[in-house]
Protein backbone atom coordinates (compact mmCIF):
# COMPACT_ATOMS: atom_id res chain seq x y z
CA MET A 1 -8.25 -3.94 10.19
CA GLY A 2 -5.25 -1.70 10.27
CA LYS A 3 -1.98 -2.18 11.37
CA LEU A 4 -1.29 -0.77 14.91
CA LEU A 5 2.38 -1.56 15.48
CA THR A 6 5.07 -2.56 12.59
CA VAL A 7 8.60 -3.27 13.49
CA LYS A 8 11.69 -3.42 10.92
CA ALA A 9 14.76 -4.81 11.77
CA LEU A 10 15.00 -4.05 15.04
CA LYS A 11 18.58 -4.57 16.89
CA ALA A 12 19.38 -3.94 20.59
CA TYR A 13 22.08 -4.99 22.58
CA TYR A 14 23.19 -4.55 26.41
CA LYS A 15 26.53 -2.85 26.99
CA LEU A 16 28.79 -5.51 29.29
CA ARG A 17 32.02 -4.77 31.07
CA LEU A 18 35.11 -4.21 28.62
CA GLY A 19 33.24 -2.96 25.99
CA GLU A 20 31.49 -5.92 25.16
CA LYS A 21 28.09 -5.90 23.60
CA LEU A 22 25.22 -9.18 24.36
CA ARG A 23 23.05 -8.55 20.78
CA ALA A 24 19.65 -9.54 22.52
CA VAL A 25 17.89 -8.28 19.85
CA ASP A 26 19.34 -8.94 16.81
CA GLY A 27 17.19 -8.28 13.57
CA VAL A 28 13.54 -8.74 14.59
CA SER A 29 10.37 -7.47 12.27
CA LEU A 30 7.01 -7.94 13.01
CA THR A 31 3.44 -6.40 12.39
CA LEU A 32 0.35 -6.53 15.06
CA GLN A 33 -2.77 -6.01 13.78
CA GLU A 34 -6.04 -4.08 15.30
CA GLY A 35 -7.93 -7.22 17.31
CA GLU A 36 -4.82 -9.67 17.15
CA VAL A 37 -3.08 -11.75 19.79
CA LEU A 38 0.59 -12.00 18.70
CA GLY A 39 2.12 -14.69 21.16
CA ILE A 40 5.87 -14.69 21.20
CA ALA A 41 7.35 -18.32 22.68
CA GLY A 42 11.25 -19.29 23.12
CA GLU A 43 13.22 -20.43 25.98
CA SER A 44 14.79 -18.60 28.53
CA GLY A 45 17.43 -16.07 27.39
CA CYS A 46 16.23 -15.81 23.49
CA GLY A 47 15.58 -11.95 24.13
CA LYS A 48 11.77 -12.02 24.16
CA SER A 49 12.09 -9.87 27.61
CA THR A 50 14.54 -7.33 25.71
CA LEU A 51 12.04 -7.23 22.86
CA ALA A 52 9.05 -6.27 24.90
CA SER A 53 11.04 -3.25 26.49
CA CYS A 54 12.18 -2.37 23.14
CA LEU A 55 8.79 -2.13 21.66
CA SER A 56 7.55 -0.07 24.58
CA GLY A 57 10.50 2.61 23.98
CA LEU A 58 12.05 1.58 27.35
CA PHE A 59 15.78 1.60 26.70
CA PHE A 60 17.17 1.95 30.15
CA PRO A 61 21.15 1.15 30.33
CA PRO A 62 22.46 -1.06 30.24
CA LEU A 63 19.99 -1.65 27.18
CA LYS A 64 21.03 0.26 24.10
CA TYR A 65 19.07 0.65 20.87
CA GLN A 66 21.36 0.12 17.73
CA LYS A 67 18.86 0.13 14.77
CA GLY A 68 15.39 -0.65 12.86
CA ASN A 69 11.96 1.04 13.47
CA ILE A 70 9.03 0.66 15.66
CA THR A 71 5.92 2.49 14.52
CA LEU A 72 3.21 2.80 16.83
CA ASP A 73 0.14 3.72 15.13
CA GLY A 74 2.18 6.15 12.79
CA ILE A 75 4.51 7.38 15.82
CA ASP A 76 7.95 6.67 15.23
CA ILE A 77 8.52 5.41 19.27
CA ILE A 78 12.57 5.43 18.34
CA ARG A 79 12.99 9.13 17.86
CA THR A 80 9.76 10.30 20.51
CA ASP A 81 11.72 12.57 23.63
CA LYS A 82 11.38 11.06 26.90
CA GLN A 83 8.94 12.95 27.92
CA THR A 84 6.27 12.49 25.32
CA LEU A 85 6.61 9.00 25.58
CA ARG A 86 6.09 8.91 29.39
CA LYS A 87 3.25 11.24 29.14
CA SER A 88 1.30 10.36 25.68
CA ILE A 89 2.40 7.04 24.99
CA LEU A 90 2.88 4.86 27.67
CA GLY A 91 -0.32 3.92 29.60
CA LYS A 92 -2.24 5.47 26.83
CA LYS A 93 -1.10 4.16 23.65
CA ILE A 94 0.78 1.27 24.72
CA SER A 95 1.00 -1.01 28.22
CA PHE A 96 3.61 -3.03 29.47
CA ILE A 97 3.08 -5.59 32.11
CA PRO A 98 6.69 -6.85 32.97
CA GLN A 99 8.23 -10.36 34.55
CA SER A 100 7.41 -10.54 38.15
CA ALA A 101 4.57 -7.32 37.54
CA MET A 102 2.56 -8.89 40.97
CA ASN A 103 5.83 -7.67 43.00
CA ALA A 104 5.39 -4.25 41.06
CA LEU A 105 3.18 -3.08 43.67
CA ASN A 106 4.75 -0.82 46.91
CA PRO A 107 3.97 -2.92 49.96
CA THR A 108 4.07 0.14 52.06
CA LEU A 109 1.15 1.19 49.99
CA LYS A 110 -3.08 0.65 49.67
CA ILE A 111 -3.78 -0.31 46.34
CA GLU A 112 -5.64 2.74 45.87
CA ASP A 113 -2.81 5.19 46.71
CA PHE A 114 -0.50 2.96 43.89
CA VAL A 115 -3.46 4.19 41.38
CA ALA A 116 -4.06 7.74 42.29
CA ASP A 117 -0.27 7.86 41.90
CA VAL A 118 -0.27 6.78 38.70
CA MET A 119 -2.89 7.83 37.27
CA GLN A 120 -2.21 11.58 38.34
CA GLU A 121 1.55 10.99 37.13
CA HIS A 122 0.00 10.51 33.03
CA GLU A 123 -3.12 12.76 33.90
CA PRO A 124 -2.17 15.91 36.18
CA ASP A 125 -5.52 17.11 36.21
CA LEU A 126 -6.85 14.13 37.50
CA SER A 127 -8.37 14.35 41.59
CA ARG A 128 -7.36 11.25 43.70
CA GLU A 129 -11.48 10.44 44.15
CA GLU A 130 -11.45 10.72 39.94
CA ALA A 131 -8.40 8.21 39.55
CA ILE A 132 -9.77 5.45 42.60
CA LYS A 133 -13.62 5.83 41.13
CA ARG A 134 -12.02 4.60 37.62
CA ALA A 135 -10.57 2.18 38.80
CA GLU A 136 -13.36 0.90 41.10
CA GLU A 137 -15.64 1.11 37.65
CA ARG A 138 -13.50 -0.63 36.05
CA LEU A 139 -12.84 -3.60 38.41
CA GLU A 140 -16.94 -3.84 38.75
CA VAL A 141 -16.96 -4.25 34.58
CA LEU A 142 -14.84 -7.15 34.69
CA SER A 143 -16.08 -8.63 37.39
CA LEU A 144 -13.47 -8.28 40.18
CA PRO A 145 -14.07 -6.95 43.70
CA LYS A 146 -13.66 -3.52 44.61
CA ASP A 147 -12.44 -4.39 48.03
CA VAL A 148 -8.58 -4.79 46.37
CA LEU A 149 -8.57 -1.21 46.23
CA LYS A 150 -8.39 -0.99 49.76
CA ALA A 151 -5.61 -3.76 50.61
CA TYR A 152 -1.94 -3.83 50.77
CA PRO A 153 -0.43 -5.90 48.04
CA PHE A 154 0.46 -8.57 50.70
CA GLU A 155 -3.05 -9.00 51.52
CA LEU A 156 -4.02 -10.51 48.19
CA SER A 157 -3.00 -13.99 46.74
CA GLY A 158 -0.52 -14.20 44.00
CA GLY A 159 -3.37 -14.73 41.29
CA MET A 160 -5.47 -11.58 42.49
CA LYS A 161 -2.43 -9.28 42.76
CA GLN A 162 -1.47 -10.57 39.09
CA ARG A 163 -5.37 -9.59 37.85
CA THR A 164 -5.23 -6.37 39.71
CA ILE A 165 -2.18 -5.41 38.33
CA VAL A 166 -3.29 -6.14 34.27
CA VAL A 167 -6.52 -4.18 35.48
CA LEU A 168 -4.81 -1.07 36.64
CA SER A 169 -2.38 -1.55 33.50
CA THR A 170 -5.47 -0.93 31.27
CA LEU A 171 -7.39 2.09 33.10
CA MET A 172 -6.42 4.27 30.38
CA ASN A 173 -7.57 1.94 27.73
CA PRO A 174 -4.18 1.27 25.84
CA GLU A 175 -4.58 0.30 22.45
CA ILE A 176 -2.06 -2.10 22.82
CA VAL A 177 -1.32 -4.50 25.76
CA ILE A 178 2.64 -6.06 25.85
CA ALA A 179 2.31 -8.63 28.63
CA ASP A 180 5.75 -10.46 29.51
CA GLU A 181 4.85 -13.97 31.07
CA PRO A 182 1.65 -12.62 32.89
CA THR A 183 0.75 -16.75 34.26
CA SER A 184 4.31 -17.26 35.67
CA ALA A 185 4.65 -18.62 39.22
CA LEU A 186 0.99 -19.11 39.57
CA ASP A 187 -1.07 -22.06 39.74
CA VAL A 188 -2.85 -23.52 36.72
CA SER A 189 -6.41 -22.03 37.95
CA SER A 190 -4.74 -18.52 38.58
CA GLN A 191 -3.09 -18.86 35.20
CA ARG A 192 -6.68 -19.39 33.55
CA GLN A 193 -8.24 -16.75 35.54
CA VAL A 194 -5.36 -14.15 34.28
CA ILE A 195 -6.14 -15.76 30.36
CA GLU A 196 -10.00 -15.13 30.67
CA LEU A 197 -9.77 -11.51 32.08
CA MET A 198 -7.03 -10.64 29.54
CA LYS A 199 -9.80 -11.95 26.79
CA ARG A 200 -12.01 -10.01 28.31
CA LEU A 201 -10.06 -6.93 28.05
CA LEU A 202 -10.09 -7.55 24.35
CA GLN A 203 -13.61 -8.53 24.10
CA MET A 204 -14.90 -5.53 25.60
CA LYS A 205 -12.34 -3.00 23.42
CA ILE A 206 -10.57 -1.66 26.45
CA THR A 207 -7.64 -2.68 24.61
CA LYS A 208 -7.64 -3.05 20.68
CA SER A 209 -4.48 -5.87 20.54
CA MET A 210 -2.24 -7.71 22.46
CA ILE A 211 1.44 -9.26 22.73
CA PHE A 212 1.46 -11.95 25.05
CA ILE A 213 5.12 -13.53 25.56
CA THR A 214 5.77 -16.51 27.26
CA HIS A 215 7.90 -19.82 27.59
CA GLU A 216 4.52 -21.88 28.30
CA LEU A 217 3.47 -22.93 24.88
CA PRO A 218 0.36 -24.66 25.50
CA ILE A 219 -1.10 -21.33 26.83
CA LEU A 220 -0.34 -19.42 23.41
CA ARG A 221 -2.87 -22.42 22.04
CA HIS A 222 -5.76 -20.63 24.21
CA VAL A 223 -4.67 -17.10 23.85
CA ALA A 224 -2.97 -16.42 19.93
CA ASP A 225 -3.75 -15.74 16.75
CA ARG A 226 -0.30 -15.63 15.55
CA ILE A 227 2.87 -17.05 17.07
CA ALA A 228 6.54 -16.13 16.66
CA ILE A 229 9.33 -18.71 17.66
CA MET A 230 12.36 -16.54 19.21
CA TYR A 231 15.71 -18.25 19.42
CA ALA A 232 18.94 -16.20 20.01
CA GLY A 233 17.77 -12.62 19.55
CA VAL A 234 15.69 -13.50 16.31
CA PHE A 235 12.41 -15.00 15.11
CA LEU A 236 12.84 -18.40 13.26
CA GLU A 237 9.20 -19.00 12.44
CA VAL A 238 6.30 -17.00 12.66
CA GLY A 239 2.81 -18.68 11.42
CA THR A 240 -0.96 -18.49 12.88
CA MET A 241 -1.92 -20.30 15.63
CA PRO A 242 -2.90 -23.90 14.27
CA GLN A 243 0.57 -23.70 11.92
CA ILE A 244 2.87 -23.14 14.78
CA ILE A 245 0.96 -25.39 17.11
CA PHE A 246 0.14 -28.49 14.96
CA ASP A 247 2.08 -27.99 11.44
CA PRO A 248 5.62 -26.63 12.68
CA ARG A 249 8.21 -26.24 9.93
CA HIS A 250 11.10 -25.27 11.66
CA PRO A 251 13.38 -28.14 13.27
CA TYR A 252 13.47 -25.80 16.28
CA THR A 253 9.85 -25.16 16.29
CA LYS A 254 9.05 -29.06 15.87
CA VAL A 255 10.65 -30.12 18.52
CA LEU A 256 9.49 -27.20 20.90
CA MET A 257 5.84 -28.22 19.92
CA SER A 258 7.13 -31.94 20.50
CA SER A 259 8.41 -31.75 24.12
CA ILE A 260 5.26 -30.65 25.54
CA ILE A 261 3.75 -33.17 27.76
CA VAL A 262 0.27 -34.21 27.34
CA PRO A 263 -1.61 -36.74 29.26
CA GLU A 264 -2.32 -39.02 26.63
CA LYS A 265 -2.12 -43.07 27.24
CA GLY A 266 1.26 -44.24 26.90
CA MET A 267 3.49 -41.19 27.63
CA ARG A 268 5.19 -42.68 30.71
CA GLU A 269 6.83 -45.63 28.13
CA ARG A 270 8.17 -43.15 25.50
CA LYS A 271 11.02 -40.35 26.13
CA LEU A 272 10.48 -37.02 25.28
CA PRO A 273 12.86 -35.11 22.39
CA LEU A 274 15.33 -32.50 23.77
CA ILE A 275 17.73 -30.29 22.17
CA THR A 276 21.19 -31.23 22.90
CA GLY A 277 23.63 -28.36 23.80
CA ARG A 278 23.15 -24.84 24.16
CA PRO A 279 22.13 -21.63 22.13
CA PRO A 280 24.55 -19.56 20.69
CA ASP A 281 27.04 -16.82 22.97
CA LEU A 282 25.50 -13.79 22.02
CA ARG A 283 28.20 -11.56 22.69
CA LYS A 284 29.87 -13.13 19.60
CA ARG A 285 29.62 -12.70 16.01
CA ILE A 286 26.76 -15.65 15.07
CA LYS A 287 27.97 -17.34 11.72
CA GLY A 288 25.41 -19.11 9.82
CA CYS A 289 22.18 -20.24 10.88
CA ARG A 290 22.05 -19.58 15.06
CA PHE A 291 20.23 -23.23 15.39
CA ALA A 292 22.75 -25.29 13.42
CA LYS A 293 24.75 -26.65 15.82
CA ARG A 294 21.95 -28.09 17.53
CA CYS A 295 19.76 -29.15 14.79
CA PRO A 296 20.24 -32.71 12.82
CA TYR A 297 19.20 -31.11 9.47
CA ALA A 298 21.79 -28.65 9.31
CA THR A 299 24.22 -28.60 6.07
CA ASP A 300 27.52 -27.02 5.84
CA GLU A 301 25.56 -24.22 3.97
CA CYS A 302 23.73 -23.90 7.06
CA ARG A 303 26.79 -23.44 8.99
CA MET A 304 28.52 -20.93 6.66
CA ARG A 305 25.45 -18.69 6.17
CA GLU A 306 22.55 -17.12 7.47
CA PRO A 307 19.17 -17.80 5.97
CA ASP A 308 16.95 -15.17 5.07
CA MET A 309 13.21 -14.76 6.51
CA GLU A 310 11.16 -16.65 3.62
CA GLU A 311 7.44 -16.11 3.37
CA THR A 312 5.73 -19.84 2.10
CA ASP A 313 2.15 -20.95 2.83
CA GLY A 314 1.14 -18.20 4.70
CA ARG A 315 3.91 -18.36 7.21
CA LYS A 316 7.22 -16.81 7.61
CA ILE A 317 10.35 -19.42 8.16
CA LYS A 318 14.09 -18.65 8.66
CA CYS A 319 15.76 -22.10 7.41
CA PHE A 320 17.01 -23.33 4.43
CA HIS A 321 15.35 -27.07 4.90
CA PRO A 322 11.99 -26.47 6.20
CA LEU A 323 10.69 -29.75 7.64
CA LYS A 324 7.49 -29.60 5.32
CA GLY A 325 5.71 -31.73 7.90
CA LYS A 326 8.63 -34.63 8.57
CA GLU A 327 7.84 -36.12 12.09
CA ILE A 328 10.38 -36.15 14.52
CA LYS A 329 10.40 -39.85 16.26
CA GLN A 330 9.09 -39.21 20.29
CA ASN A 331 12.59 -40.89 21.32
CA GLU A 332 14.46 -38.74 18.83
CA VAL A 333 17.25 -37.12 20.86
CA ILE A 334 18.40 -33.61 18.63
């Protein structure tokens, strides 16, 4: 399998009032192989959604590109003009499902009208009837009712709206789907339906690869092949799903995994670990490791110098003192 997406040292910021910069993505590198699902997890405000926008080439003000490279199937996304990006890449090579996508549908239009507008924007020679026919065929293939095309958004449940958006986002068979919190605000059964639908998109080769962004870590166990843990604009650890879920080595990753509530005997009798303090202010230059002020293992070196991302045991870790299997006790507060 070849690399579909390569990102090197990407930096992007939000331009704030008084000339301040909020460094939301501050040196991210990643690769995405054909047939792979890359999960990206981290607490709110760490830069996940901003990274998703950047990977799609969507630098809408006040978001600004600073430096770095994004190469999609040999195409330089950063240096591609907006018209080419809109006509030839978005929707066809890469599709972006943003947060709260279920609210992106126009409440005054039937779903079929929305489909026709979107498809004809990308393929002007396509008739309305052809666009709707393609949507009907795709819904049928994915075992979803065709009747949703005749409905207005408010007539659909939240779960059905989300699944409909996922289907419509892949009508042009994009090579990569970037899904930003596609299961948020859904009940457990609806989450499962959305996840199963996205798996089928890969199994049926409607799309080649996927980036799945979430703060709900248990979901990634059922979706991702590899997981990247993001914190304060950077990746702290990247590894396979079993490595990150069952054997995390970065202190931040470890406490994230330890904080998952599991239905096991005695859980009510012990405290979950928590992280004191708060993430650093991304408007300011950060000295040293970004997690140092909240990490119980931090040394003077951690506070003075930012560690490089080092590869070891098939994973990448941005830490001077990886845990090497050390356990964080269930009642430990860090």
